[in-house]
Structures are given as structure tokens and as C-alpha cells.
PDB file of N, CA and C in Angstrom:
ATOM      1  N   MET A   1      19.019   1.478 -37.725  1.00  0.00           N
ATOM      2  CA  MET A   1      19.666   1.508 -39.063  1.00  0.00           C
ATOM      3  C   MET A   1      19.247   2.795 -39.804  1.00  0.00           C
ATOM      4  N   ASP A   2      20.316   3.455 -40.258  1.00  0.00           N
ATOM      5  CA  ASP A   2      20.033   4.690 -41.002  1.00  0.00           C
ATOM      6  C   ASP A   2      19.653   4.438 -42.509  1.00  0.00           C
ATOM      7  N   ARG A   3      19.319   5.498 -43.151  1.00  0.00           N
ATOM      8  CA  ARG A   3      18.819   5.340 -44.571  1.00  0.00           C
ATOM      9  C   ARG A   3      19.824   4.729 -45.510  1.00  0.00           C
ATOM     10  N   LYS A   4      21.073   5.121 -45.349  1.00  0.00           N
ATOM     11  CA  LYS A   4      22.143   4.507 -46.231  1.00  0.00           C
ATOM     12  C   LYS A   4      22.311   3.055 -45.995  1.00  0.00           C
ATOM     13  N   GLU A   5      22.315   2.611 -44.748  1.00  0.00           N
ATOM     14  CA  GLU A   5      22.448   1.178 -44.342  1.00  0.00           C
ATOM     15  C   GLU A   5      21.247   0.400 -44.905  1.00  0.00           C
ATOM     16  N   LEU A   6      20.117   1.025 -44.839  1.00  0.00           N
ATOM     17  CA  LEU A   6      18.980   0.295 -45.232  1.00  0.00           C
ATOM     18  C   LEU A   6      18.989   0.172 -46.901  1.00  0.00           C
ATOM     19  N   GLU A   7      19.394   1.223 -47.575  1.00  0.00           N
ATOM     20  CA  GLU A   7      19.465   1.202 -49.034  1.00  0.00           C
ATOM     21  C   GLU A   7      20.451   0.062 -49.318  1.00  0.00           C
ATOM     22  N   ALA A   8      21.595   0.025 -48.686  1.00  0.00           N
ATOM     23  CA  ALA A   8      22.607  -0.975 -49.088  1.00  0.00           C
ATOM     24  C   ALA A   8      22.069  -2.304 -48.777  1.00  0.00           C
ATOM     25  N   LYS A   9      21.449  -2.602 -47.732  1.00  0.00           N
ATOM     26  CA  LYS A   9      20.826  -3.910 -47.415  1.00  0.00           C
ATOM     27  C   LYS A   9      19.788  -4.343 -48.403  1.00  0.00           C
ATOM     28  N   VAL A  10      18.915  -3.386 -48.813  1.00  0.00           N
ATOM     29  CA  VAL A  10      17.857  -3.751 -49.714  1.00  0.00           C
ATOM     30  C   VAL A  10      18.433  -4.100 -51.103  1.00  0.00           C
ATOM     31  N   ILE A  11      19.475  -3.285 -51.525  1.00  0.00           N
ATOM     32  CA  ILE A  11      20.109  -3.602 -52.729  1.00  0.00           C
ATOM     33  C   ILE A  11      20.782  -4.893 -52.724  1.00  0.00           C
ATOM     34  N   GLU A  12      21.384  -5.331 -51.627  1.00  0.00           N
ATOM     35  CA  GLU A  12      21.995  -6.568 -51.452  1.00  0.00           C
ATOM     36  C   GLU A  12      21.034  -7.725 -51.621  1.00  0.00           C
ATOM     37  N   LEU A  13      19.847  -7.595 -50.967  1.00  0.00           N
ATOM     38  CA  LEU A  13      18.730  -8.516 -51.022  1.00  0.00           C
ATOM     39  C   LEU A  13      18.139  -8.619 -52.400  1.00  0.00           C
ATOM     40  N   VAL A  14      18.075  -7.547 -53.145  1.00  0.00           N
ATOM     41  CA  VAL A  14      17.637  -7.616 -54.434  1.00  0.00           C
ATOM     42  C   VAL A  14      18.537  -8.387 -55.418  1.00  0.00           C
ATOM     43  N   GLU A  15      19.803  -8.151 -55.155  1.00  0.00           N
ATOM     44  CA  GLU A  15      20.893  -8.832 -55.926  1.00  0.00           C
ATOM     45  C   GLU A  15      20.799 -10.293 -55.702  1.00  0.00           C
ATOM     46  N   ILE A  16      20.629 -10.643 -54.471  1.00  0.00           N
ATOM     47  CA  ILE A  16      20.545 -12.187 -54.145  1.00  0.00           C
ATOM     48  C   ILE A  16      19.250 -12.698 -54.706  1.00  0.00           C
ATOM     49  N   SER A  17      18.146 -12.096 -54.597  1.00  0.00           N
ATOM     50  CA  SER A  17      16.767 -12.676 -55.000  1.00  0.00           C
ATOM     51  C   SER A  17      16.775 -12.738 -56.592  1.00  0.00           C
ATOM     52  N   TYR A  18      17.377 -11.701 -57.239  1.00  0.00           N
ATOM     53  CA  TYR A  18      17.368 -11.816 -58.621  1.00  0.00           C
ATOM     54  C   TYR A  18      18.599 -12.335 -59.332  1.00  0.00           C
ATOM     55  N   GLY A  19      19.489 -12.874 -58.554  1.00  0.00           N
ATOM     56  CA  GLY A  19      20.723 -13.574 -59.149  1.00  0.00           C
ATOM     57  C   GLY A  19      21.628 -12.574 -59.737  1.00  0.00           C
ATOM     58  N   LYS A  20      21.823 -11.382 -59.275  1.00  0.00           N
ATOM     59  CA  LYS A  20      22.719 -10.333 -59.836  1.00  0.00           C
ATOM     60  C   LYS A  20      23.947 -10.232 -59.095  1.00  0.00           C
ATOM     61  N   ASN A  21      25.040  -9.901 -59.664  1.00  0.00           N
ATOM     62  CA  ASN A  21      26.315  -9.701 -59.086  1.00  0.00           C
ATOM     63  C   ASN A  21      26.259  -8.381 -58.280  1.00  0.00           C
ATOM     64  N   LYS A  22      27.289  -8.399 -57.258  1.00  0.00           N
ATOM     65  CA  LYS A  22      27.355  -7.203 -56.426  1.00  0.00           C
ATOM     66  C   LYS A  22      27.696  -5.980 -57.381  1.00  0.00           C
ATOM     67  N   GLY A  23      26.947  -4.964 -57.161  1.00  0.00           N
ATOM     68  CA  GLY A  23      27.230  -3.689 -57.956  1.00  0.00           C
ATOM     69  C   GLY A  23      26.317  -3.537 -59.251  1.00  0.00           C
ATOM     70  N   GLU A  24      25.545  -4.573 -59.510  1.00  0.00           N
ATOM     71  CA  GLU A  24      24.704  -4.521 -60.741  1.00  0.00           C
ATOM     72  C   GLU A  24      23.271  -3.816 -60.407  1.00  0.00           C
ATOM     73  N   VAL A  25      23.010  -3.781 -59.221  1.00  0.00           N
ATOM     74  CA  VAL A  25      21.749  -3.110 -58.775  1.00  0.00           C
ATOM     75  C   VAL A  25      22.012  -1.856 -58.064  1.00  0.00           C
ATOM     76  N   THR A  26      21.286  -0.788 -58.479  1.00  0.00           N
ATOM     77  CA  THR A  26      21.309   0.523 -57.828  1.00  0.00           C
ATOM     78  C   THR A  26      19.957   0.982 -57.409  1.00  0.00           C
ATOM     79  N   LEU A  27      19.816   2.173 -56.678  1.00  0.00           N
ATOM     80  CA  LEU A  27      18.455   2.629 -56.328  1.00  0.00           C
ATOM     81  C   LEU A  27      17.610   2.890 -57.529  1.00  0.00           C
ATOM     82  N   GLU A  28      18.273   3.294 -58.629  1.00  0.00           N
ATOM     83  CA  GLU A  28      17.501   3.553 -59.898  1.00  0.00           C
ATOM     84  C   GLU A  28      17.146   2.323 -60.788  1.00  0.00           C
ATOM     85  N   THR A  29      17.643   1.145 -60.271  1.00  0.00           N
ATOM     86  CA  THR A  29      17.258  -0.117 -60.969  1.00  0.00           C
ATOM     87  C   THR A  29      15.767  -0.302 -61.075  1.00  0.00           C
ATOM     88  N   SER A  30      15.217  -0.506 -62.320  1.00  0.00           N
ATOM     89  CA  SER A  30      13.872  -0.853 -62.478  1.00  0.00           C
ATOM     90  C   SER A  30      13.571  -2.301 -62.407  1.00  0.00           C
ATOM     91  N   PHE A  31      12.570  -2.628 -61.578  1.00  0.00           N
ATOM     92  CA  PHE A  31      12.250  -4.094 -61.470  1.00  0.00           C
ATOM     93  C   PHE A  31      11.774  -4.587 -62.814  1.00  0.00           C
ATOM     94  N   LYS A  32      10.929  -3.799 -63.616  1.00  0.00           N
ATOM     95  CA  LYS A  32      10.309  -4.278 -64.823  1.00  0.00           C
ATOM     96  C   LYS A  32      11.329  -4.143 -65.950  1.00  0.00           C
ATOM     97  N   ASP A  33      11.988  -3.054 -66.067  1.00  0.00           N
ATOM     98  CA  ASP A  33      12.872  -2.839 -67.304  1.00  0.00           C
ATOM     99  C   ASP A  33      14.289  -3.551 -67.123  1.00  0.00           C
ATOM    100  N   ASP A  34      14.850  -3.453 -65.920  1.00  0.00           N
ATOM    101  CA  ASP A  34      16.251  -3.879 -65.735  1.00  0.00           C
ATOM    102  C   ASP A  34      16.257  -5.310 -65.220  1.00  0.00           C
ATOM    103  N   LEU A  35      15.501  -5.660 -64.309  1.00  0.00           N
ATOM    104  CA  LEU A  35      15.574  -6.947 -63.670  1.00  0.00           C
ATOM    105  C   LEU A  35      14.755  -8.096 -64.426  1.00  0.00           C
ATOM    106  N   LYS A  36      13.584  -7.612 -64.922  1.00  0.00           N
ATOM    107  CA  LYS A  36      12.776  -8.531 -65.708  1.00  0.00           C
ATOM    108  C   LYS A  36      12.600  -9.855 -65.039  1.00  0.00           C
ATOM    109  N   GLY A  37      12.301  -9.774 -63.664  1.00  0.00           N
ATOM    110  CA  GLY A  37      12.140 -10.956 -63.004  1.00  0.00           C
ATOM    111  C   GLY A  37      10.738 -11.538 -62.987  1.00  0.00           C
ATOM    112  N   ALA A  38      10.649 -12.734 -62.562  1.00  0.00           N
ATOM    113  CA  ALA A  38       9.499 -13.476 -62.423  1.00  0.00           C
ATOM    114  C   ALA A  38       8.820 -13.110 -60.949  1.00  0.00           C
ATOM    115  N   SER A  39       7.579 -13.349 -60.893  1.00  0.00           N
ATOM    116  CA  SER A  39       6.842 -13.046 -59.542  1.00  0.00           C
ATOM    117  C   SER A  39       7.531 -13.778 -58.439  1.00  0.00           C
ATOM    118  N   VAL A  40       8.034 -15.013 -58.674  1.00  0.00           N
ATOM    119  CA  VAL A  40       8.536 -15.849 -57.683  1.00  0.00           C
ATOM    120  C   VAL A  40       9.782 -15.235 -57.115  1.00  0.00           C
ATOM    121  N   GLN A  41      10.529 -14.515 -57.826  1.00  0.00           N
ATOM    122  CA  GLN A  41      11.749 -13.686 -57.423  1.00  0.00           C
ATOM    123  C   GLN A  41      11.224 -12.534 -56.418  1.00  0.00           C
ATOM    124  N   MET A  42      10.191 -11.916 -56.686  1.00  0.00           N
ATOM    125  CA  MET A  42       9.630 -10.851 -55.819  1.00  0.00           C
ATOM    126  C   MET A  42       9.165 -11.474 -54.506  1.00  0.00           C
ATOM    127  N   VAL A  43       8.514 -12.624 -54.551  1.00  0.00           N
ATOM    128  CA  VAL A  43       8.150 -13.358 -53.361  1.00  0.00           C
ATOM    129  C   VAL A  43       9.319 -13.681 -52.515  1.00  0.00           C
ATOM    130  N   ALA A  44      10.409 -14.170 -53.164  1.00  0.00           N
ATOM    131  CA  ALA A  44      11.625 -14.478 -52.369  1.00  0.00           C
ATOM    132  C   ALA A  44      12.228 -13.164 -51.809  1.00  0.00           C
ATOM    133  N   LEU A  45      12.146 -12.083 -52.558  1.00  0.00           N
ATOM    134  CA  LEU A  45      12.725 -10.821 -52.049  1.00  0.00           C
ATOM    135  C   LEU A  45      11.897 -10.299 -50.832  1.00  0.00           C
ATOM    136  N   VAL A  46      10.597 -10.366 -50.865  1.00  0.00           N
ATOM    137  CA  VAL A  46       9.735  -9.991 -49.735  1.00  0.00           C
ATOM    138  C   VAL A  46      10.073 -10.819 -48.548  1.00  0.00           C
ATOM    139  N   SER A  47      10.185 -12.061 -48.735  1.00  0.00           N
ATOM    140  CA  SER A  47      10.471 -13.068 -47.646  1.00  0.00           C
ATOM    141  C   SER A  47      11.880 -12.643 -46.951  1.00  0.00           C
ATOM    142  N   GLU A  48      12.836 -12.438 -47.793  1.00  0.00           N
ATOM    143  CA  GLU A  48      14.145 -11.945 -47.312  1.00  0.00           C
ATOM    144  C   GLU A  48      14.173 -10.705 -46.521  1.00  0.00           C
ATOM    145  N   ILE A  49      13.268  -9.696 -46.980  1.00  0.00           N
ATOM    146  CA  ILE A  49      13.151  -8.408 -46.331  1.00  0.00           C
ATOM    147  C   ILE A  49      12.498  -8.698 -44.940  1.00  0.00           C
ATOM    148  N   GLU A  50      11.568  -9.580 -44.926  1.00  0.00           N
ATOM    149  CA  GLU A  50      10.916  -9.910 -43.618  1.00  0.00           C
ATOM    150  C   GLU A  50      11.939 -10.567 -42.685  1.00  0.00           C
ATOM    151  N   ASN A  51      12.612 -11.452 -43.172  1.00  0.00           N
ATOM    152  CA  ASN A  51      13.644 -12.302 -42.379  1.00  0.00           C
ATOM    153  C   ASN A  51      14.925 -11.381 -41.930  1.00  0.00           C
ATOM    154  N   GLU A  52      15.382 -10.536 -42.820  1.00  0.00           N
ATOM    155  CA  GLU A  52      16.646  -9.807 -42.644  1.00  0.00           C
ATOM    156  C   GLU A  52      16.407  -8.524 -41.879  1.00  0.00           C
ATOM    157  N   LEU A  53      15.224  -7.832 -42.193  1.00  0.00           N
ATOM    158  CA  LEU A  53      15.007  -6.440 -41.744  1.00  0.00           C
ATOM    159  C   LEU A  53      13.855  -6.445 -40.835  1.00  0.00           C
ATOM    160  N   ASP A  54      13.238  -7.532 -40.560  1.00  0.00           N
ATOM    161  CA  ASP A  54      12.043  -7.607 -39.731  1.00  0.00           C
ATOM    162  C   ASP A  54      10.995  -6.494 -40.121  1.00  0.00           C
ATOM    163  N   ALA A  55      10.794  -6.310 -41.374  1.00  0.00           N
ATOM    164  CA  ALA A  55       9.760  -5.392 -41.928  1.00  0.00           C
ATOM    165  C   ALA A  55       8.685  -6.203 -42.777  1.00  0.00           C
ATOM    166  N   MET A  56       7.589  -5.995 -42.393  1.00  0.00           N
ATOM    167  CA  MET A  56       6.508  -6.725 -43.154  1.00  0.00           C
ATOM    168  C   MET A  56       5.923  -5.878 -44.261  1.00  0.00           C
ATOM    169  N   VAL A  57       6.499  -6.024 -45.490  1.00  0.00           N
ATOM    170  CA  VAL A  57       6.038  -5.346 -46.622  1.00  0.00           C
ATOM    171  C   VAL A  57       5.042  -6.236 -47.351  1.00  0.00           C
ATOM    172  N   ALA A  58       3.916  -5.843 -47.636  1.00  0.00           N
ATOM    173  CA  ALA A  58       2.977  -6.786 -48.443  1.00  0.00           C
ATOM    174  C   ALA A  58       3.478  -6.992 -49.843  1.00  0.00           C
ATOM    175  N   LEU A  59       3.284  -8.163 -50.303  1.00  0.00           N
ATOM    176  CA  LEU A  59       3.788  -8.546 -51.666  1.00  0.00           C
ATOM    177  C   LEU A  59       3.154  -7.579 -52.660  1.00  0.00           C
ATOM    178  N   GLN A  60       1.925  -7.212 -52.619  1.00  0.00           N
ATOM    179  CA  GLN A  60       1.332  -6.260 -53.576  1.00  0.00           C
ATOM    180  C   GLN A  60       2.036  -4.900 -53.587  1.00  0.00           C
ATOM    181  N   ASP A  61       2.463  -4.514 -52.362  1.00  0.00           N
ATOM    182  CA  ASP A  61       3.093  -3.159 -52.193  1.00  0.00           C
ATOM    183  C   ASP A  61       4.460  -3.283 -52.879  1.00  0.00           C
ATOM    184  N   ALA A  62       5.107  -4.317 -52.506  1.00  0.00           N
ATOM    185  CA  ALA A  62       6.431  -4.581 -53.149  1.00  0.00           C
ATOM    186  C   ALA A  62       6.504  -4.564 -54.629  1.00  0.00           C
ATOM    187  N   ALA A  63       5.451  -5.392 -55.113  1.00  0.00           N
ATOM    188  CA  ALA A  63       5.343  -5.542 -56.547  1.00  0.00           C
ATOM    189  C   ALA A  63       4.951  -4.284 -57.315  1.00  0.00           C
ATOM    190  N   ALA A  64       4.336  -3.314 -56.547  1.00  0.00           N
ATOM    191  CA  ALA A  64       3.885  -2.069 -57.169  1.00  0.00           C
ATOM    192  C   ALA A  64       5.104  -1.046 -57.155  1.00  0.00           C
ATOM    193  N   CYS A  65       6.192  -1.456 -56.603  1.00  0.00           N
ATOM    194  CA  CYS A  65       7.342  -0.580 -56.765  1.00  0.00           C
ATOM    195  C   CYS A  65       7.972  -0.592 -58.189  1.00  0.00           C
ATOM    196  N   ASN A  66       8.208   0.519 -58.724  1.00  0.00           N
ATOM    197  CA  ASN A  66       9.000   0.572 -60.024  1.00  0.00           C
ATOM    198  C   ASN A  66      10.499   0.435 -59.941  1.00  0.00           C
ATOM    199  N   THR A  67      10.986   1.121 -58.838  1.00  0.00           N
ATOM    200  CA  THR A  67      12.516   0.992 -58.752  1.00  0.00           C
ATOM    201  C   THR A  67      12.787   0.449 -57.365  1.00  0.00           C
ATOM    202  N   VAL A  68      14.124   0.172 -57.214  1.00  0.00           N
ATOM    203  CA  VAL A  68      14.727  -0.264 -55.937  1.00  0.00           C
ATOM    204  C   VAL A  68      14.522   0.897 -54.846  1.00  0.00           C
ATOM    205  N   ALA A  69      14.607   2.159 -55.241  1.00  0.00           N
ATOM    206  CA  ALA A  69      14.381   3.295 -54.324  1.00  0.00           C
ATOM    207  C   ALA A  69      13.057   3.226 -53.804  1.00  0.00           C
ATOM    208  N   GLU A  70      11.997   2.986 -54.592  1.00  0.00           N
ATOM    209  CA  GLU A  70      10.591   2.888 -54.146  1.00  0.00           C
ATOM    210  C   GLU A  70      10.462   1.823 -53.139  1.00  0.00           C
ATOM    211  N   LEU A  71      11.109   0.699 -53.392  1.00  0.00           N
ATOM    212  CA  LEU A  71      11.075  -0.458 -52.456  1.00  0.00           C
ATOM    213  C   LEU A  71      11.708  -0.066 -51.064  1.00  0.00           C
ATOM    214  N   VAL A  72      12.754   0.649 -51.179  1.00  0.00           N
ATOM    215  CA  VAL A  72      13.468   1.084 -49.916  1.00  0.00           C
ATOM    216  C   VAL A  72      12.441   1.932 -49.105  1.00  0.00           C
ATOM    217  N   ASP A  73      11.769   2.852 -49.803  1.00  0.00           N
ATOM    218  CA  ASP A  73      10.856   3.698 -49.104  1.00  0.00           C
ATOM    219  C   ASP A  73       9.743   2.939 -48.528  1.00  0.00           C
ATOM    220  N   ALA A  74       9.206   1.802 -49.189  1.00  0.00           N
ATOM    221  CA  ALA A  74       8.250   0.952 -48.632  1.00  0.00           C
ATOM    222  C   ALA A  74       8.632   0.133 -47.366  1.00  0.00           C
ATOM    223  N   VAL A  75       9.910  -0.266 -47.511  1.00  0.00           N
ATOM    224  CA  VAL A  75      10.478  -1.012 -46.372  1.00  0.00           C
ATOM    225  C   VAL A  75      10.700  -0.055 -45.168  1.00  0.00           C
ATOM    226  N   GLU A  76      11.212   1.127 -45.415  1.00  0.00           N
ATOM    227  CA  GLU A  76      11.323   2.092 -44.382  1.00  0.00           C
ATOM    228  C   GLU A  76      10.134   2.509 -43.686  1.00  0.00           C
ATOM    229  N   ALA A  77       9.037   2.595 -44.430  1.00  0.00           N
ATOM    230  CA  ALA A  77       7.715   2.985 -43.806  1.00  0.00           C
ATOM    231  C   ALA A  77       7.156   1.810 -42.795  1.00  0.00           C
ATOM    232  N   GLU A  78       7.703   0.655 -43.062  1.00  0.00           N
ATOM    233  CA  GLU A  78       7.254  -0.563 -42.246  1.00  0.00           C
ATOM    234  C   GLU A  78       8.150  -0.742 -41.090  1.00  0.00           C
ATOM    235  N   MET A  79       9.299  -0.111 -41.060  1.00  0.00           N
ATOM    236  CA  MET A  79      10.207  -0.262 -39.840  1.00  0.00           C
ATOM    237  C   MET A  79       9.927   0.547 -38.703  1.00  0.00           C
TER     238      MET A  79
END
């Protein structure tokens, strides 16, 4: 999977986990400012990343990401 495919997949998983419509999430989307999600949504997202991408990203590492782009970097590092 190349970087663009990975970015698209992570964006899709964020949209699903946070209940957003397709196209509402970009690489610049901020978890804190834009998504304002509960920790349970981040847990769901990390679980989906593990299931869909076979990448084990620690919950604390994912939660430390400010933007979707930072999460993509964390996922890529685990693949």
C-alpha cells in the first residue's frame, strides 16, 4: 500500500469512527478542534486500524496525534 492509499484508508476509518460523512475529514483535520470526539471513538479507531490495516498503533500514540496526517505517520511507522 502506498502513502496515498494509506492516507485515504485512514481518512475513511476516521470518518467511520467519528460518524462523519465522506469528504468531511482531511489530513489537516484536528482530532481536538474539528472532531471533538470522546476517547471511546479513538479506541474504536485504533481497533479499526488494527483490523483493516494490520498495524498495531498504541492507543496512547494515536491519542497523542493532533491531526489525521500525524495519525497516518504513526500507522505508516507500524506497517
